Amino acid sequence: MERPAAYDSPTPAQIESDSAAEPQEVSRSWKDYVSITKVGINVANLWTTFAGLWLAGHGRLEGYTTVVTLAGTALVVGGGAALNNWIDRDIDRVMPRTAKRPLANGRIPAVQGLLLGSAISLAGLVLLAVGINGLTALTALVGWFTYVIVYTLWLKRTTTLNTVVGGIAGAVPPLIGWAAVRGTLDPSAWILFLIIFLWQPPHFFALAMKRVEDYRAAGIPMLPVVRGFEPTRRQMLGYTAVLWPVSLLLFWTGAAGWLYVIPAAILGGIYVGMSLWGFRTSDPMKWANGMFRYSLIYLMAICAAAIVGVE
């Protein structure tokens, strides 16, 4: 197991003692409860969900299906994020970037975080199952389980594979959108899944390089912490190199046309070029910051290209 330090996940028996140890009078607001659902990550997931909806519907969407699917997905993703914050509140206290999170500093009691995350996760799954179809709800459940149980509760603290396996959860939203429209998962849906899955390691490896000392202090075995920057750069190049041709497959399946494939080719080429530059730069932190920012641009742009270029 690749574990630089010992930080154990909270057990159910610790929840009550955690709450008792927290100050009884704390200043909290509704914004604190919203923040533990990780709104920024939720928006990104809804963007990829919408891309799945749009491509599956060939650019024609039914209002009810769209609204219910996005609402259900937002609840499931937000609930999973809240549970992630609940599980990670001990290590979040160690890292400056996360120390002020409401569950980490006690503004929200641990029990409330657990109940909120569980309740909205369940509400989202029920909404998708009753309001859309069983496959959509099952797909969302797979993503939730991978993120909360497999990634957060297990792999995050034990192996550098946490980022890769955890990427399965982040790649599920376009499948949710596709299943909501078609009631099945066609090859194009799985290509969307692969695009987002391959995008995630270089995105999170760049973040891990930027925050390497935070992760080291918290005992989280991110790749740059355990193996260093050079292996991390090699893996980032490998993922971007595979992502580039995979992203073009939507043109091959007929899901998207020339208005998609040309921007996709350019975006992927830039990503690979930036990855290669990582082996020549004398400032790896500046390069990692640039890679992180471009990864966000890439995600938004590739989905936008798919939406515009739908066939």
Protein backbone atom coordinates (compact mmCIF):
# COMPACT_ATOMS: atom_id res chain seq x y z
CA MET A 1 0.00 0.00 0.00
CA GLU A 2 1.35 3.42 -0.95
CA ARG A 3 0.65 5.33 2.22
CA PRO A 4 3.00 8.06 3.46
CA ALA A 5 1.16 8.66 6.73
CA ALA A 6 -1.69 7.26 8.79
CA TYR A 7 -4.95 9.16 8.70
CA ASP A 8 -7.89 6.87 9.28
CA SER A 9 -11.43 7.41 8.07
CA PRO A 10 -13.91 8.28 10.81
CA THR A 11 -15.91 5.37 12.14
CA PRO A 12 -19.60 5.60 13.07
CA ALA A 13 -18.60 5.43 16.74
CA GLN A 14 -16.57 8.62 16.34
CA ILE A 15 -19.42 10.71 14.97
CA GLU A 16 -21.04 11.40 18.33
CA SER A 17 -17.74 12.23 20.01
CA ASP A 18 -16.81 14.53 17.14
CA SER A 19 -20.06 16.40 17.53
CA ALA A 20 -19.64 16.64 21.29
CA ALA A 21 -16.14 18.05 20.83
CA GLU A 22 -17.38 20.75 18.48
CA PRO A 23 -18.29 24.15 19.90
CA GLN A 24 -21.96 24.46 20.67
CA GLU A 25 -22.16 28.08 19.55
CA VAL A 26 -20.77 28.49 16.06
CA SER A 27 -21.44 31.00 13.35
CA ARG A 28 -22.87 29.23 10.32
CA SER A 29 -25.13 30.16 7.45
CA TRP A 30 -26.95 28.49 4.61
CA LYS A 31 -23.87 29.21 2.49
CA ASP A 32 -21.88 26.76 4.61
CA TYR A 33 -24.36 23.98 3.86
CA VAL A 34 -24.30 24.82 0.16
CA SER A 35 -20.49 24.91 0.11
CA ILE A 36 -20.08 21.32 1.30
CA THR A 37 -21.93 20.17 -1.84
CA LYS A 38 -18.96 21.55 -3.86
CA VAL A 39 -20.91 23.77 -6.21
CA GLY A 40 -18.07 24.26 -8.68
CA ILE A 41 -17.56 20.53 -9.14
CA ASN A 42 -21.33 20.06 -9.37
CA VAL A 43 -21.60 22.63 -12.18
CA ALA A 44 -18.85 20.86 -14.14
CA ASN A 45 -20.66 17.55 -13.72
CA LEU A 46 -23.95 19.07 -14.87
CA TRP A 47 -22.19 20.46 -17.94
CA THR A 48 -21.03 16.98 -18.96
CA THR A 49 -24.46 15.56 -18.09
CA PHE A 50 -26.05 18.10 -20.42
CA ALA A 51 -23.59 17.13 -23.16
CA GLY A 52 -24.78 13.53 -22.80
CA LEU A 53 -28.43 14.63 -22.92
CA TRP A 54 -27.84 16.80 -25.97
CA LEU A 55 -25.91 14.26 -28.02
CA ALA A 56 -28.31 11.45 -27.15
CA GLY A 57 -31.21 13.61 -28.29
CA HIS A 58 -29.45 14.75 -31.49
CA GLY A 59 -29.78 18.33 -30.35
CA ARG A 60 -33.47 18.08 -29.48
CA LEU A 61 -34.40 17.88 -25.83
CA GLU A 62 -37.67 17.41 -23.97
CA GLY A 63 -37.97 19.93 -21.17
CA TYR A 64 -39.20 17.57 -18.46
CA THR A 65 -36.46 15.00 -19.06
CA THR A 66 -33.77 17.67 -19.08
CA VAL A 67 -34.89 19.41 -15.89
CA VAL A 68 -35.47 16.23 -13.89
CA THR A 69 -32.22 14.64 -15.04
CA LEU A 70 -30.14 17.69 -14.19
CA ALA A 71 -31.91 18.15 -10.85
CA GLY A 72 -31.46 14.51 -9.89
CA THR A 73 -27.82 14.53 -10.95
CA ALA A 74 -27.17 17.72 -9.00
CA LEU A 75 -28.60 16.12 -5.86
CA VAL A 76 -26.60 12.90 -6.23
CA VAL A 77 -23.35 14.75 -6.98
CA GLY A 78 -23.97 17.28 -4.21
CA GLY A 79 -24.80 14.55 -1.73
CA GLY A 80 -21.67 12.62 -2.63
CA ALA A 81 -19.60 15.79 -2.24
CA ALA A 82 -21.08 16.47 1.20
CA LEU A 83 -20.25 12.92 2.29
CA ASN A 84 -16.74 13.38 0.88
CA ASN A 85 -16.39 16.46 3.07
CA TRP A 86 -17.72 14.54 6.06
CA ILE A 87 -15.32 11.63 5.61
CA ASP A 88 -12.32 13.87 4.91
CA ARG A 89 -12.89 16.40 7.67
CA ASP A 90 -9.88 15.10 9.62
CA ILE A 91 -7.37 15.49 6.80
CA ASP A 92 -9.02 18.70 5.60
CA ARG A 93 -7.98 20.29 8.91
CA VAL A 94 -4.33 19.63 8.03
CA MET A 95 -4.28 21.31 4.62
CA PRO A 96 -4.41 25.13 4.35
CA ARG A 97 -6.50 24.86 1.16
CA THR A 98 -9.28 22.96 2.95
CA ALA A 99 -8.87 23.88 6.62
CA LYS A 100 -11.69 26.45 6.51
CA ARG A 101 -14.28 24.04 5.12
CA PRO A 102 -17.37 24.05 7.38
CA LEU A 103 -17.08 20.41 8.42
CA ALA A 104 -13.34 20.68 8.98
CA ASN A 105 -13.46 23.70 11.29
CA GLY A 106 -16.69 22.75 13.06
CA ARG A 107 -19.08 25.36 11.67
CA ILE A 108 -21.28 22.43 10.63
CA PRO A 109 -21.51 19.52 13.11
CA ALA A 110 -20.38 16.16 11.73
CA VAL A 111 -23.81 14.56 12.21
CA GLN A 112 -25.47 17.29 10.16
CA GLY A 113 -22.99 16.81 7.34
CA LEU A 114 -23.63 13.07 7.32
CA LEU A 115 -27.40 13.50 7.35
CA LEU A 116 -27.40 16.19 4.66
CA GLY A 117 -25.17 14.20 2.33
CA SER A 118 -27.17 11.01 2.80
CA ALA A 119 -30.55 12.71 2.42
CA ILE A 120 -29.86 14.59 -0.79
CA SER A 121 -28.03 11.62 -2.32
CA LEU A 122 -31.09 9.44 -1.70
CA ALA A 123 -33.44 12.16 -2.94
CA GLY A 124 -31.50 12.44 -6.20
CA LEU A 125 -31.48 8.69 -6.81
CA VAL A 126 -35.22 8.43 -6.12
CA LEU A 127 -35.93 11.38 -8.42
CA LEU A 128 -33.99 9.78 -11.27
CA ALA A 129 -35.55 6.35 -10.71
CA VAL A 130 -39.15 7.57 -10.48
CA GLY A 131 -38.94 10.59 -12.73
CA ILE A 132 -36.74 9.18 -15.52
CA ASN A 133 -35.89 5.46 -15.59
CA GLY A 134 -34.10 2.74 -13.69
CA LEU A 135 -30.96 2.74 -15.84
CA THR A 136 -30.42 6.45 -15.22
CA ALA A 137 -30.71 5.96 -11.46
CA LEU A 138 -28.48 2.88 -11.51
CA THR A 139 -25.82 4.75 -13.50
CA ALA A 140 -25.91 7.61 -10.99
CA LEU A 141 -25.66 5.12 -8.12
CA VAL A 142 -22.55 3.56 -9.65
CA GLY A 143 -20.94 7.00 -9.86
CA TRP A 144 -21.94 7.84 -6.28
CA PHE A 145 -20.66 4.53 -4.92
CA THR A 146 -17.35 4.85 -6.75
CA TYR A 147 -16.80 8.38 -5.46
CA VAL A 148 -17.95 8.03 -1.86
CA ILE A 149 -17.06 4.43 -0.99
CA VAL A 150 -14.34 3.30 -3.40
CA TYR A 151 -12.47 6.59 -3.80
CA THR A 152 -13.06 8.66 -0.65
CA LEU A 153 -13.43 5.97 1.97
CA TRP A 154 -10.84 3.54 0.62
CA LEU A 155 -8.42 4.44 -2.18
CA LYS A 156 -7.76 8.10 -1.43
CA ARG A 157 -5.75 7.25 1.66
CA THR A 158 -4.10 4.04 0.48
CA THR A 159 -2.77 4.22 -3.10
CA THR A 160 -1.72 6.50 -5.94
CA LEU A 161 -4.40 4.77 -8.02
CA ASN A 162 -6.98 6.87 -6.16
CA THR A 163 -7.04 9.49 -8.90
CA VAL A 164 -7.42 7.00 -11.74
CA VAL A 165 -10.11 4.81 -10.17
CA GLY A 166 -11.87 7.85 -8.78
CA GLY A 167 -12.04 9.13 -12.35
CA ILE A 168 -14.76 6.56 -13.04
CA ALA A 169 -17.14 8.55 -10.85
CA GLY A 170 -16.34 11.81 -12.61
CA ALA A 171 -16.95 10.23 -16.00
CA VAL A 172 -20.42 8.91 -15.15
CA PRO A 173 -22.50 12.14 -15.61
CA PRO A 174 -22.60 12.02 -19.46
CA LEU A 175 -23.79 8.41 -19.14
CA ILE A 176 -26.59 9.64 -16.87
CA GLY A 177 -27.65 12.15 -19.50
CA TRP A 178 -27.49 9.60 -22.29
CA ALA A 179 -29.45 6.96 -20.36
CA ALA A 180 -32.14 9.53 -19.53
CA VAL A 181 -32.85 10.16 -23.22
CA ARG A 182 -32.23 6.77 -24.79
CA GLY A 183 -32.87 4.35 -21.94
CA THR A 184 -29.70 2.54 -23.00
CA LEU A 185 -25.96 3.19 -23.26
CA ASP A 186 -24.76 3.21 -26.87
CA PRO A 187 -21.11 3.26 -28.07
CA SER A 188 -21.15 7.05 -28.32
CA ALA A 189 -22.13 7.25 -24.66
CA TRP A 190 -19.10 5.18 -23.70
CA ILE A 191 -16.85 7.39 -25.82
CA LEU A 192 -18.12 10.38 -23.84
CA PHE A 193 -17.33 8.41 -20.70
CA LEU A 194 -13.80 7.70 -21.92
CA ILE A 195 -13.17 11.33 -22.82
CA ILE A 196 -14.02 12.51 -19.31
CA PHE A 197 -12.27 9.53 -17.70
CA LEU A 198 -9.00 10.15 -19.57
CA TRP A 199 -9.24 13.89 -18.92
CA GLN A 200 -9.31 13.52 -15.14
CA PRO A 201 -5.84 12.11 -14.26
CA PRO A 202 -3.86 14.94 -15.90
CA HIS A 203 -6.30 17.43 -14.39
CA PHE A 204 -5.92 16.11 -10.84
CA PHE A 205 -2.22 15.29 -11.18
CA ALA A 206 -1.63 18.95 -12.02
CA LEU A 207 -3.57 19.96 -8.91
CA ALA A 208 -1.60 17.44 -6.85
CA MET A 209 1.67 18.95 -8.08
CA LYS A 210 0.48 22.42 -7.12
CA ARG A 211 -0.56 21.24 -3.66
CA VAL A 212 2.07 18.54 -3.14
CA GLU A 213 3.14 19.76 0.30
CA ASP A 214 -0.47 19.93 1.49
CA TYR A 215 -1.07 16.36 0.42
CA ARG A 216 2.22 15.26 1.95
CA ALA A 217 1.32 16.85 5.29
CA ALA A 218 -2.10 15.18 5.24
CA GLY A 219 -0.63 11.77 4.39
CA ILE A 220 -2.53 11.43 1.13
CA PRO A 221 -0.58 9.25 -1.34
CA MET A 222 -1.03 11.35 -4.45
CA LEU A 223 1.34 10.42 -7.27
CA PRO A 224 3.65 13.48 -6.93
CA VAL A 225 3.95 12.80 -3.18
CA VAL A 226 4.84 9.13 -3.50
CA ARG A 227 6.81 9.00 -6.75
CA GLY A 228 7.77 12.58 -7.54
CA PHE A 229 7.20 14.98 -10.41
CA GLU A 230 8.94 13.08 -13.21
CA PRO A 231 6.68 9.97 -13.12
CA THR A 232 3.71 12.30 -12.72
CA ARG A 233 4.64 14.20 -15.89
CA ARG A 234 5.04 10.92 -17.79
CA GLN A 235 1.59 9.75 -16.75
CA MET A 236 0.05 13.10 -17.66
CA LEU A 237 1.58 12.85 -21.12
CA GLY A 238 0.32 9.29 -21.49
CA TYR A 239 -3.25 10.20 -20.62
CA THR A 240 -3.36 13.28 -22.85
CA ALA A 241 -1.82 11.30 -25.73
CA VAL A 242 -4.58 8.68 -25.49
CA LEU A 243 -7.30 11.27 -24.89
CA TRP A 244 -6.50 13.05 -28.16
CA PRO A 245 -7.52 10.25 -30.59
CA VAL A 246 -10.30 8.97 -28.32
CA SER A 247 -11.95 12.39 -28.38
CA LEU A 248 -12.20 12.15 -32.19
CA LEU A 249 -14.22 8.91 -32.07
CA LEU A 250 -17.51 10.78 -31.68
CA PHE A 251 -17.05 11.79 -35.32
CA TRP A 252 -16.49 8.15 -36.29
CA THR A 253 -19.71 7.01 -34.57
CA GLY A 254 -21.66 9.81 -36.20
CA ALA A 255 -22.69 11.44 -32.93
CA ALA A 256 -20.89 14.67 -33.87
CA GLY A 257 -19.74 16.22 -37.13
CA TRP A 258 -17.02 18.49 -38.47
CA LEU A 259 -17.94 21.34 -36.14
CA TYR A 260 -16.89 19.02 -33.34
CA VAL A 261 -13.97 17.07 -34.70
CA ILE A 262 -11.90 20.07 -35.84
CA PRO A 263 -12.02 21.88 -32.45
CA ALA A 264 -11.49 18.53 -30.68
CA ALA A 265 -8.36 17.87 -32.72
CA ILE A 266 -7.00 21.34 -31.94
CA LEU A 267 -7.84 21.14 -28.22
CA GLY A 268 -6.27 17.70 -27.91
CA GLY A 269 -3.15 18.75 -29.79
CA ILE A 270 -2.64 21.71 -27.48
CA TYR A 271 -3.09 19.45 -24.45
CA VAL A 272 -0.45 17.01 -25.68
CA GLY A 273 1.89 19.87 -26.56
CA MET A 274 1.54 21.35 -23.09
CA SER A 275 2.21 17.94 -21.56
CA LEU A 276 5.41 17.61 -23.58
CA TRP A 277 6.53 21.06 -22.47
CA GLY A 278 6.52 19.76 -18.90
CA PHE A 279 9.75 17.86 -19.64
CA ARG A 280 11.55 21.01 -20.77
CA THR A 281 10.34 23.66 -18.37
CA SER A 282 12.56 24.85 -15.53
CA ASP A 283 9.54 25.83 -13.43
CA PRO A 284 7.39 22.72 -12.84
CA MET A 285 5.00 24.53 -10.51
CA LYS A 286 4.24 27.21 -13.06
CA TRP A 287 3.77 24.49 -15.68
CA ALA A 288 1.45 22.50 -13.39
CA ASN A 289 -0.63 25.62 -12.80
CA GLY A 290 -0.92 26.16 -16.55
CA MET A 291 -1.87 22.52 -17.10
CA PHE A 292 -4.53 22.75 -14.42
CA ARG A 293 -6.06 25.87 -15.93
CA TYR A 294 -5.98 24.47 -19.44
CA SER A 295 -7.63 21.25 -18.27
CA LEU A 296 -10.64 23.29 -17.15
CA ILE A 297 -10.74 25.11 -20.48
CA TYR A 298 -10.47 21.79 -22.30
CA LEU A 299 -13.40 20.25 -20.43
CA MET A 300 -15.70 23.19 -21.06
CA ALA A 301 -14.60 23.56 -24.69
CA ILE A 302 -14.80 19.88 -25.69
CA CYS A 303 -18.35 19.65 -24.35
CA ALA A 304 -19.28 22.90 -26.08
CA ALA A 305 -17.83 21.58 -29.35
CA ALA A 306 -19.88 18.38 -28.99
CA ILE A 307 -23.04 20.39 -28.35
CA VAL A 308 -22.44 22.66 -31.34
CA GLY A 309 -21.30 19.85 -33.63
CA VAL A 310 -24.04 17.33 -32.79
CA GLU A 311 -25.32 15.35 -35.77
